[in-house]
C-alpha atoms as a PDB file:
ATOM      1  CA  MET A   1      14.838 -19.447   6.900  1.00  0.00           C
ATOM      2  CA  THR A   2      12.371 -22.392   7.953  1.00  0.00           C
ATOM      3  CA  THR A   3       9.019 -23.052   6.656  1.00  0.00           C
ATOM      4  CA  ASP A   4       7.679 -21.488   9.716  1.00  0.00           C
ATOM      5  CA  ASN A   5       8.472 -18.189   8.787  1.00  0.00           C
ATOM      6  CA  PHE A   6       5.171 -17.117   7.398  1.00  0.00           C
ATOM      7  CA  LEU A   7       3.092 -18.001  10.476  1.00  0.00           C
ATOM      8  CA  ALA A   8       0.530 -15.436  12.072  1.00  0.00           C
ATOM      9  CA  ASP A   9       3.079 -14.368  14.730  1.00  0.00           C
ATOM     10  CA  CYS A  10       6.357 -14.028  12.493  1.00  0.00           C
ATOM     11  CA  ARG A  11       8.216 -11.249  11.526  1.00  0.00           C
ATOM     12  CA  ALA A  12       7.718 -11.689   7.562  1.00  0.00           C
ATOM     13  CA  ARG A  13       4.041 -11.651   8.138  1.00  0.00           C
ATOM     14  CA  LEU A  14       4.515  -8.520  10.049  1.00  0.00           C
ATOM     15  CA  ALA A  15       6.116  -6.773   7.478  1.00  0.00           C
ATOM     16  CA  PHE A  16       3.742  -8.065   4.620  1.00  0.00           C
ATOM     17  CA  ASP A  17       0.888  -6.736   6.907  1.00  0.00           C
ATOM     18  CA  LEU A  18       2.625  -3.078   6.984  1.00  0.00           C
ATOM     19  CA  LEU A  19       2.491  -2.909   3.196  1.00  0.00           C
ATOM     20  CA  SER A  20      -0.759  -5.009   2.605  1.00  0.00           C
ATOM     21  CA  ASN A  21      -2.682  -1.582   3.113  1.00  0.00           C
ATOM     22  CA  THR A  22      -2.628   0.258  -0.093  1.00  0.00           C
ATOM     23  CA  TRP A  23      -2.199   3.334   1.390  1.00  0.00           C
ATOM     24  CA  ASN A  24       0.680   2.838   3.687  1.00  0.00           C
ATOM     25  CA  ALA A  25       3.078   2.437   0.869  1.00  0.00           C
ATOM     26  CA  VAL A  26       1.978   5.222  -1.141  1.00  0.00           C
ATOM     27  CA  VAL A  27       2.087   7.630   1.836  1.00  0.00           C
ATOM     28  CA  LEU A  28       5.701   6.376   2.643  1.00  0.00           C
ATOM     29  CA  TRP A  29       6.901   6.676  -0.924  1.00  0.00           C
ATOM     30  CA  ALA A  30       5.063  10.330  -1.154  1.00  0.00           C
ATOM     31  CA  LEU A  31       7.391  11.101   2.214  1.00  0.00           C
ATOM     32  CA  ARG A  32      10.546  10.041   0.480  1.00  0.00           C
ATOM     33  CA  ASP A  33      11.645  13.574  -0.336  1.00  0.00           C
ATOM     34  CA  GLY A  34      11.160  15.108   3.070  1.00  0.00           C
ATOM     35  CA  PRO A  35       8.508  16.469   5.557  1.00  0.00           C
ATOM     36  CA  MET A  36       4.909  17.375   4.418  1.00  0.00           C
ATOM     37  CA  ARG A  37       1.827  18.772   5.550  1.00  0.00           C
ATOM     38  CA  PRO A  38      -1.302  16.691   5.241  1.00  0.00           C
ATOM     39  CA  VAL A  39      -2.833  19.032   2.637  1.00  0.00           C
ATOM     40  CA  GLU A  40       0.434  18.831   0.627  1.00  0.00           C
ATOM     41  CA  LEU A  41       0.461  14.900   1.120  1.00  0.00           C
ATOM     42  CA  ARG A  42      -3.217  14.767  -0.338  1.00  0.00           C
ATOM     43  CA  GLU A  43      -2.407  16.920  -3.336  1.00  0.00           C
ATOM     44  CA  ARG A  44       0.841  14.608  -3.865  1.00  0.00           C
ATOM     45  CA  ILE A  45      -0.975  11.462  -3.728  1.00  0.00           C
ATOM     46  CA  GLY A  46      -4.328  12.196  -5.031  1.00  0.00           C
ATOM     47  CA  GLY A  47      -7.369  10.132  -4.796  1.00  0.00           C
ATOM     48  CA  ILE A  48      -7.100   9.822  -0.996  1.00  0.00           C
ATOM     49  CA  SER A  49      -9.595  11.327   1.195  1.00  0.00           C
ATOM     50  CA  SER A  50      -8.748  13.503   4.376  1.00  0.00           C
ATOM     51  CA  LYS A  51      -9.938  10.905   6.709  1.00  0.00           C
ATOM     52  CA  VAL A  52      -8.235   7.848   5.212  1.00  0.00           C
ATOM     53  CA  LEU A  53      -5.151   9.876   5.061  1.00  0.00           C
ATOM     54  CA  THR A  54      -5.370  10.697   8.810  1.00  0.00           C
ATOM     55  CA  GLU A  55      -5.893   6.944   9.526  1.00  0.00           C
ATOM     56  CA  THR A  56      -2.867   5.813   7.331  1.00  0.00           C
ATOM     57  CA  LEU A  57      -0.424   8.596   9.168  1.00  0.00           C
ATOM     58  CA  ARG A  58      -1.775   7.592  12.560  1.00  0.00           C
ATOM     59  CA  ARG A  59      -1.177   3.661  11.457  1.00  0.00           C
ATOM     60  CA  LEU A  60       2.206   4.597  10.357  1.00  0.00           C
ATOM     61  CA  GLN A  61       3.076   6.730  13.214  1.00  0.00           C
ATOM     62  CA  PHE A  62       2.028   3.790  15.412  1.00  0.00           C
ATOM     63  CA  ASN A  63       3.967   1.447  13.857  1.00  0.00           C
ATOM     64  CA  GLY A  64       7.460   3.845  14.222  1.00  0.00           C
ATOM     65  CA  LEU A  65       7.561   4.510  10.273  1.00  0.00           C
ATOM     66  CA  VAL A  66       6.424   8.112  10.444  1.00  0.00           C
ATOM     67  CA  ASP A  67       7.138  11.111  12.824  1.00  0.00           C
ATOM     68  CA  ARG A  68       4.285  13.966  13.467  1.00  0.00           C
ATOM     69  CA  HIS A  69       5.895  17.362  14.112  1.00  0.00           C
ATOM     70  CA  ALA A  70       3.601  19.899  15.416  1.00  0.00           C
ATOM     71  CA  PRO A  71       5.256  23.315  16.425  1.00  0.00           C
ATOM     72  CA  THR A  72       3.320  25.726  18.711  1.00  0.00           C
ATOM     73  CA  ASP A  73       1.033  26.642  15.641  1.00  0.00           C
ATOM     74  CA  ALA A  74      -1.114  23.311  15.077  1.00  0.00           C
ATOM     75  CA  SER A  75      -1.838  24.388  11.736  1.00  0.00           C
ATOM     76  CA  ARG A  76       1.693  23.511  10.545  1.00  0.00           C
ATOM     77  CA  VAL A  77       1.559  20.072  11.512  1.00  0.00           C
ATOM     78  CA  GLU A  78       4.138  18.152   9.351  1.00  0.00           C
ATOM     79  CA  TYR A  79       4.723  14.327   8.756  1.00  0.00           C
ATOM     80  CA  ARG A  80       8.255  12.517   8.081  1.00  0.00           C
ATOM     81  CA  LEU A  81       9.835   9.358   7.715  1.00  0.00           C
ATOM     82  CA  THR A  82      11.633   7.950  10.438  1.00  0.00           C
ATOM     83  CA  GLU A  83      14.830   6.200  10.200  1.00  0.00           C
ATOM     84  CA  LEU A  84      12.728   2.950  10.270  1.00  0.00           C
ATOM     85  CA  GLY A  85      10.311   4.343   7.873  1.00  0.00           C
ATOM     86  CA  GLN A  86      13.185   5.253   5.178  1.00  0.00           C
ATOM     87  CA  THR A  87      14.167   1.561   5.483  1.00  0.00           C
ATOM     88  CA  LEU A  88      10.923   0.558   3.648  1.00  0.00           C
ATOM     89  CA  LEU A  89      11.523   2.760   0.582  1.00  0.00           C
ATOM     90  CA  ALA A  90      13.966   0.130  -1.277  1.00  0.00           C
ATOM     91  CA  PRO A  91      11.225  -2.836  -0.791  1.00  0.00           C
ATOM     92  CA  ILE A  92       8.780  -0.491  -1.887  1.00  0.00           C
ATOM     93  CA  ASP A  93      10.699   0.639  -4.758  1.00  0.00           C
ATOM     94  CA  ALA A  94      11.501  -2.874  -5.657  1.00  0.00           C
ATOM     95  CA  PHE A  95       7.957  -4.016  -5.655  1.00  0.00           C
ATOM     96  CA  GLY A  96       6.862  -0.847  -7.921  1.00  0.00           C
ATOM     97  CA  ALA A  97       9.722  -1.837 -10.428  1.00  0.00           C
ATOM     98  CA  TRP A  98       8.203  -5.468 -10.485  1.00  0.00           C
ATOM     99  CA  ALA A  99       4.939  -3.976 -11.060  1.00  0.00           C
ATOM    100  CA  PHE A 100       6.228  -1.749 -13.884  1.00  0.00           C
ATOM    101  CA  GLU A 101       7.622  -4.948 -15.519  1.00  0.00           C
ATOM    102  CA  TYR A 102       5.065  -7.266 -15.082  1.00  0.00           C
ATOM    103  CA  GLY A 103       1.972  -5.248 -14.639  1.00  0.00           C
ATOM    104  CA  ASP A 104       0.795  -5.661 -18.146  1.00  0.00           C
ATOM    105  CA  GLU A 105       1.058  -9.512 -17.797  1.00  0.00           C
ATOM    106  CA  VAL A 106      -1.020  -9.588 -14.546  1.00  0.00           C
ATOM    107  CA  MET A 107      -3.560  -7.423 -16.000  1.00  0.00           C
ATOM    108  CA  ALA A 108      -3.756  -9.775 -19.062  1.00  0.00           C
ATOM    109  CA  ALA A 109      -4.125 -12.592 -17.013  1.00  0.00           C
ATOM    110  CA  GLN A 110      -7.094 -11.046 -15.159  1.00  0.00           C
ATOM    111  CA  GLU A 111      -8.764 -10.073 -18.288  1.00  0.00           C
ATOM    112  CA  ALA A 112      -8.346 -13.789 -19.747  1.00  0.00           C
ATOM    113  CA  ALA A 113      -9.788 -14.898 -16.556  1.00  0.00           C
ATOM    114  CA  CYS A 114     -12.634 -12.641 -16.822  1.00  0.00           C
ATOM    115  CA  THR A 115     -13.620 -13.718 -20.337  1.00  0.00           C
ATOM    116  CA  PRO A 116     -16.600 -15.820 -20.703  1.00  0.00           C
ATOM    117  CA  ALA A 117     -14.602 -18.493 -22.529  1.00  0.00           C
ATOM    118  CA  SER A 118     -12.325 -19.030 -19.996  1.00  0.00           C
ATOM    119  CA  GLN A 119     -14.594 -19.876 -17.154  1.00  0.00           C
ATOM    120  CA  PRO A 120     -16.323 -23.006 -16.821  1.00  0.00           C
ATOM    121  CA  SER A 121     -20.352 -22.528 -17.220  1.00  0.00           C
ATOM    122  CA  ALA A 122     -21.243 -25.205 -14.806  1.00  0.00           C
ATOM    123  CA  ALA A 123     -18.710 -23.814 -11.792  1.00  0.00           C
ATOM    124  CA  PRO A 124     -19.918 -21.438  -9.354  1.00  0.00           C
ATOM    125  CA  PRO A 125     -17.839 -18.111  -9.139  1.00  0.00           C
ATOM    126  CA  GLN A 126     -15.165 -18.364  -6.438  1.00  0.00           C
ATOM    127  CA  THR A 127     -15.196 -16.238  -3.307  1.00  0.00           C
ATOM    128  CA  GLY A 128     -13.086 -13.042  -3.967  1.00  0.00           C
ATOM    129  CA  GLN A 129     -13.316 -13.411  -7.929  1.00  0.00           C
ATOM    130  CA  LEU A 130     -12.696  -9.966  -9.508  1.00  0.00           C
ATOM    131  CA  CYS A 131     -14.634 -10.245 -12.856  1.00  0.00           C
ATOM    132  CA  GLU A 132     -17.819  -8.800 -11.766  1.00  0.00           C
ATOM    133  CA  GLY A 133     -18.120  -5.178 -13.344  1.00  0.00           C
ATOM    134  CA  GLY A 134     -15.251  -5.332 -15.678  1.00  0.00           C
ATOM    135  CA  GLY A 135     -12.676  -6.658 -13.602  1.00  0.00           C
ATOM    136  CA  ARG A 136     -10.419  -5.087 -10.759  1.00  0.00           C
END
């Protein structure tokens, strides 16, 4: 692997872009046990609107990660992982394991960064700073 592997047009960036949207990985993970209807996905996931779920499913379908199956009765539309989509389950699982193991440390670092004692009084807030409103 060369140092150019993370340029804008490289495959590694493509993979990170696929998982950078929070809902992509969540929907892929929710479909790991087999096909589901959109209403079942929303119940399983929780906290996702119908609009965002539809956009996410379309994006995953566009990228070849999810198949949409619509029999003659369109009210029974189901989505399932493609073979390509199934290959992302191991990286998603590994990332989840990392988050489980180190999530407390990340949250502690965020909390420490947001305490007044840790912020220089003369320095302006950095773009993207997450401390407003109690952190992330």
